[in-house]
Protein backbone atom coordinates (compact mmCIF):
# COMPACT_ATOMS: atom_id res chain seq x y z
CA MET A 1 -0.36 21.06 14.13
CA GLU A 2 -2.37 19.07 11.69
CA GLN A 3 -3.50 15.58 11.06
CA LEU A 4 -1.25 14.02 8.29
CA THR A 5 -4.37 11.95 6.90
CA GLU A 6 -6.17 15.34 6.60
CA LEU A 7 -3.22 16.96 4.91
CA LEU A 8 -3.44 14.09 2.26
CA SER A 9 -7.16 13.56 1.77
CA GLY A 10 -8.36 15.64 -1.11
CA ASN A 11 -5.08 16.12 -2.33
CA PRO A 12 -5.21 14.42 -6.03
CA TYR A 13 -1.36 14.61 -6.07
CA PRO A 14 1.41 15.59 -3.70
CA GLY A 15 3.82 13.21 -5.44
CA ARG A 16 6.12 11.63 -2.97
CA GLY A 17 6.25 12.33 0.79
CA ILE A 18 7.91 12.05 4.03
CA ALA A 19 6.60 12.45 7.39
CA LEU A 20 9.11 11.68 10.50
CA GLY A 21 8.18 12.19 13.93
CA ARG A 22 7.69 10.56 17.41
CA SER A 23 4.80 8.69 18.87
CA ALA A 24 2.21 10.04 21.45
CA ASP A 25 3.79 8.05 24.29
CA GLY A 26 7.13 9.28 23.20
CA LYS A 27 8.63 6.01 23.10
CA ARG A 28 9.33 5.53 19.21
CA ALA A 29 10.17 7.13 16.25
CA VAL A 30 7.75 7.30 13.51
CA MET A 31 8.42 7.38 9.79
CA VAL A 32 6.27 7.45 6.84
CA TYR A 33 7.11 7.27 3.07
CA PHE A 34 4.83 7.12 0.01
CA ILE A 35 4.92 7.26 -3.77
CA MET A 36 2.41 8.17 -6.11
CA GLY A 37 2.53 8.41 -10.03
CA ARG A 38 0.42 9.77 -12.83
CA SER A 39 2.03 7.65 -15.55
CA GLU A 40 1.76 4.03 -16.22
CA ASN A 41 5.39 3.61 -15.76
CA SER A 42 5.39 5.29 -12.50
CA ARG A 43 2.44 3.61 -11.39
CA ASN A 44 4.14 0.21 -12.35
CA ARG A 45 5.90 -0.10 -9.09
CA ILE A 46 6.10 -1.75 -5.76
CA PHE A 47 8.03 -1.53 -2.70
CA GLU A 48 10.04 -4.49 -1.84
CA GLU A 49 11.85 -4.85 1.82
CA THR A 50 15.66 -5.36 1.97
CA ALA A 51 18.23 -6.32 4.30
CA ASP A 52 18.68 -2.54 5.08
CA GLY A 53 15.74 -0.96 4.24
CA ILE A 54 13.38 -1.07 0.88
CA ARG A 55 14.06 -0.66 -2.92
CA THR A 56 11.33 0.16 -5.54
CA ARG A 57 10.87 -2.50 -8.21
CA ALA A 58 8.39 -2.80 -11.25
CA PHE A 59 5.39 -4.95 -10.80
CA ASP A 60 5.55 -6.01 -14.27
CA GLU A 61 8.69 -5.83 -15.85
CA SER A 62 7.60 -6.13 -19.46
CA ARG A 63 5.74 -2.85 -19.02
CA MET A 64 8.69 -0.88 -17.52
CA THR A 65 9.96 1.72 -20.27
CA ASP A 66 12.34 3.80 -18.10
CA PRO A 67 13.94 2.85 -14.90
CA SER A 68 15.63 6.26 -14.08
CA LEU A 69 14.11 8.29 -11.47
CA ILE A 70 11.93 5.70 -10.36
CA ILE A 71 13.70 2.42 -9.35
CA TYR A 72 16.12 3.07 -6.21
CA HIS A 73 16.49 2.36 -2.56
CA PRO A 74 14.02 4.69 -0.47
CA VAL A 75 15.00 3.65 2.77
CA ARG A 76 18.53 2.59 4.22
CA VAL A 77 19.79 1.81 7.68
CA VAL A 78 23.52 2.92 8.40
CA GLU A 79 24.65 2.21 12.05
CA GLY A 80 21.27 2.77 13.21
CA THR A 81 20.51 5.81 11.50
CA THR A 82 17.64 5.72 8.84
CA ILE A 83 17.76 7.47 5.60
CA VAL A 84 14.50 8.03 3.80
CA THR A 85 14.41 9.76 0.33
CA ASN A 86 12.47 9.96 -3.07
CA GLY A 87 15.58 9.00 -5.20
CA ASP A 88 18.92 7.58 -5.33
CA GLN A 89 20.31 10.15 -2.92
CA THR A 90 19.50 7.70 -0.56
CA ASP A 91 22.73 6.07 -1.58
CA THR A 92 24.69 9.38 -1.69
CA VAL A 93 23.91 9.98 2.02
CA ALA A 94 24.56 6.48 2.92
CA ASP A 95 28.15 6.38 1.63
CA ALA A 96 28.65 9.67 3.02
CA PHE A 97 27.42 8.17 6.40
CA ARG A 98 29.98 5.32 6.17
CA ALA A 99 32.86 7.99 5.34
CA GLY A 100 32.32 9.95 8.36
CA GLN A 101 30.60 12.74 6.50
CA SER A 102 27.34 14.65 6.91
CA PHE A 103 23.86 14.68 5.88
CA VAL A 104 24.42 18.14 4.60
CA ARG A 105 27.73 17.43 3.05
CA ALA A 106 26.04 14.52 1.15
CA LEU A 107 23.20 16.67 -0.45
CA ARG A 108 25.28 19.66 -1.14
CA THR A 109 26.43 17.38 -4.24
CA ARG A 110 23.17 16.80 -5.50
CA ALA A 111 20.09 18.97 -7.10
CA PHE A 112 16.56 18.55 -8.14
CA GLU A 113 15.63 15.72 -10.76
CA PRO A 114 16.40 16.14 -14.41
CA ASP A 115 12.74 16.16 -15.48
CA GLY A 116 11.90 19.44 -16.76
CA PRO A 117 9.55 21.48 -16.78
CA ASN A 118 8.71 19.97 -13.45
CA TRP A 119 12.32 19.85 -12.03
CA THR A 120 11.01 17.42 -9.44
CA PRO A 121 12.43 18.38 -5.92
CA ARG A 122 14.65 15.93 -4.05
CA ILE A 123 13.15 15.31 -0.67
CA SER A 124 15.14 13.38 2.30
CA GLY A 125 15.11 12.71 5.64
CA VAL A 126 17.26 11.14 8.66
CA VAL A 127 16.05 9.85 11.75
CA ARG A 128 18.90 9.14 14.40
CA PRO A 129 18.88 6.43 17.06
CA ASP A 130 17.89 8.96 19.77
CA GLY A 131 14.98 9.79 17.58
CA GLY A 132 16.19 13.37 15.97
CA TYR A 133 15.37 13.77 12.67
CA THR A 134 16.15 16.28 9.85
CA LEU A 135 14.48 16.98 6.44
CA SER A 136 15.61 18.30 3.49
CA ILE A 137 14.46 19.62 0.26
CA LEU A 138 16.59 20.41 -3.10
CA LYS A 139 14.37 22.18 -5.64
CA SER A 140 14.65 24.80 -8.42
CA ALA A 141 14.13 28.53 -7.90
CA ASP A 142 10.47 28.79 -9.26
CA GLY A 143 10.98 26.37 -11.85
CA ASP A 144 14.38 28.16 -12.92
CA SER A 145 16.72 24.89 -13.71
CA ALA A 146 19.59 27.10 -13.36
CA CYS A 147 19.42 27.42 -9.85
CA CYS A 148 19.30 24.90 -7.14
CA GLN A 149 17.91 25.88 -3.34
CA ARG A 150 18.97 23.65 -0.63
CA PHE A 151 16.73 23.73 2.41
CA PHE A 152 17.71 21.97 5.66
CA PHE A 153 15.21 21.45 8.84
CA GLU A 154 16.71 20.09 11.77
CA TYR A 155 14.51 18.85 15.12
CA ASP A 156 16.87 17.80 17.82
CA THR A 157 14.52 16.94 20.61
CA PRO A 158 10.91 15.79 18.89
CA ILE A 159 8.03 16.57 20.97
CA ALA A 160 6.00 13.26 21.77
CA GLY A 161 2.86 13.05 19.44
CA SER A 162 4.43 15.38 16.86
CA GLY A 163 6.18 15.35 13.47
CA HIS A 164 6.68 16.94 10.16
CA PHE A 165 5.70 16.21 6.81
CA ILE A 166 7.20 17.32 3.23
CA SER A 167 6.35 16.46 -0.29
CA THR A 168 7.67 16.79 -3.62
CA TYR A 169 4.70 19.00 -4.70
CA GLU A 170 1.99 21.08 -3.59
CA THR A 171 -0.62 19.39 -5.52
CA ASP A 172 -1.44 18.51 -9.02
CA GLY A 173 -0.62 20.68 -12.02
CA ASP A 174 1.29 21.42 -15.47
CA PRO A 175 3.89 21.79 -14.66
CA LEU A 176 3.64 20.57 -11.25
CA PRO A 177 4.02 23.10 -8.46
CA SER A 178 7.10 22.03 -6.07
CA PHE A 179 6.46 22.06 -2.09
CA ARG A 180 6.45 25.40 -0.56
CA GLY A 181 7.46 26.60 2.69
CA GLU A 182 8.72 24.71 5.84
CA PRO A 183 7.52 20.99 6.50
CA ARG A 184 4.26 21.04 7.78
CA ARG A 185 3.68 20.07 11.49
CA VAL A 186 1.47 16.84 12.01
CA SER A 187 0.33 14.77 15.04
CA PHE A 188 1.02 11.13 15.49
CA GLY A 189 -0.98 8.85 18.06
CA ASP A 190 0.22 5.43 19.45
CA GLU A 191 -0.88 3.62 16.51
CA SER A 192 1.01 0.07 15.46
CA ALA A 193 2.81 0.77 11.74
CA GLU A 194 0.18 -1.29 10.28
CA GLU A 195 -2.97 0.72 11.84
CA LEU A 196 -0.90 4.28 10.89
CA ALA A 197 -0.27 2.69 7.56
CA GLN A 198 -3.94 1.95 6.67
CA LYS A 199 -5.05 5.30 7.59
CA VAL A 200 -2.66 7.14 5.51
CA TRP A 201 -3.16 4.78 2.53
CA ASN A 202 -6.84 5.06 2.92
CA ALA A 203 -6.04 9.16 2.68
CA LEU A 204 -3.97 9.00 -0.45
CA ASP A 205 -5.85 9.77 -3.66
CA GLU A 206 -7.25 6.49 -4.93
CA GLY A 207 -6.18 6.87 -8.65
CA ASN A 208 -2.75 8.09 -7.78
CA LYS A 209 -1.48 6.03 -5.04
CA VAL A 210 1.09 3.33 -5.54
CA SER A 211 3.15 2.11 -2.75
CA LEU A 212 3.49 3.24 1.09
CA PHE A 213 5.95 2.27 3.88
CA VAL A 214 5.70 2.99 7.53
CA ARG A 215 8.10 2.06 10.49
CA THR A 216 8.08 2.83 14.06
CA VAL A 217 11.47 2.10 15.91
CA GLU A 218 11.45 1.73 19.72
CA LEU A 219 14.09 4.21 21.05
CA THR A 220 15.20 2.14 23.95
CA THR A 221 15.75 -1.22 22.21
CA GLY A 222 15.91 -0.05 18.39
CA LYS A 223 13.10 -2.76 17.61
CA THR A 224 11.20 -1.85 14.59
CA ASP A 225 7.69 -2.43 13.51
CA THR A 226 7.09 -2.12 9.64
CA ALA A 227 4.36 -2.06 7.14
CA ILE A 228 3.97 -1.75 3.53
CA VAL A 229 1.14 -1.25 1.28
CA ASN A 230 1.20 -1.75 -2.27
CA LYS A 231 -1.31 -0.90 -4.75
CA HIS A 232 -0.10 -4.04 -6.87
CA ALA A 233 -0.47 -6.69 -4.42
């Protein structure tokens, strides 16, 4: 088990990342989601809280050149289940849940992003009211756009102080290398959302980090504690 901050520190570009798990005291679900950017268009974004989660928004609308793939709702809550993704598949999953369908079935209708030669993976996670969670990654087969590989990782009974992390990329590159293997197991303490957000924000690459969302949810009451950090204040 690794420290999330140690995984991120020194990595110039993991891209977008999701970490889900449980606090050390076992009483709260923990969620972390961040975005990074290399282009001006990607960096010109902030997280903004909504009634059911958060959305990305252009910080300076006059500088937005292409909203596709970068403007979406990363987080939505449907009947107590939190959905966290790196794209508009958040809405695909939310619509499926409202129709009584499953996370897996929803994502079988989606593939990696159409941004060759990177073919950015779609990473997604859901946290149920009981704290159990699932992570997924949809990615090309070693850069072959003809084949989409879909992986799902279910964690029904999370261990206190433990979680799992997945990102779109391993690190920087040209083309960008997709995340490999299973989600990394990481440790969580008993910090507040704000305290954890500051630790993760400080670990992200200064030049490429854009926005960060952290939320904890009390498993017995459903009470949430949320922190948002934007590079563009």
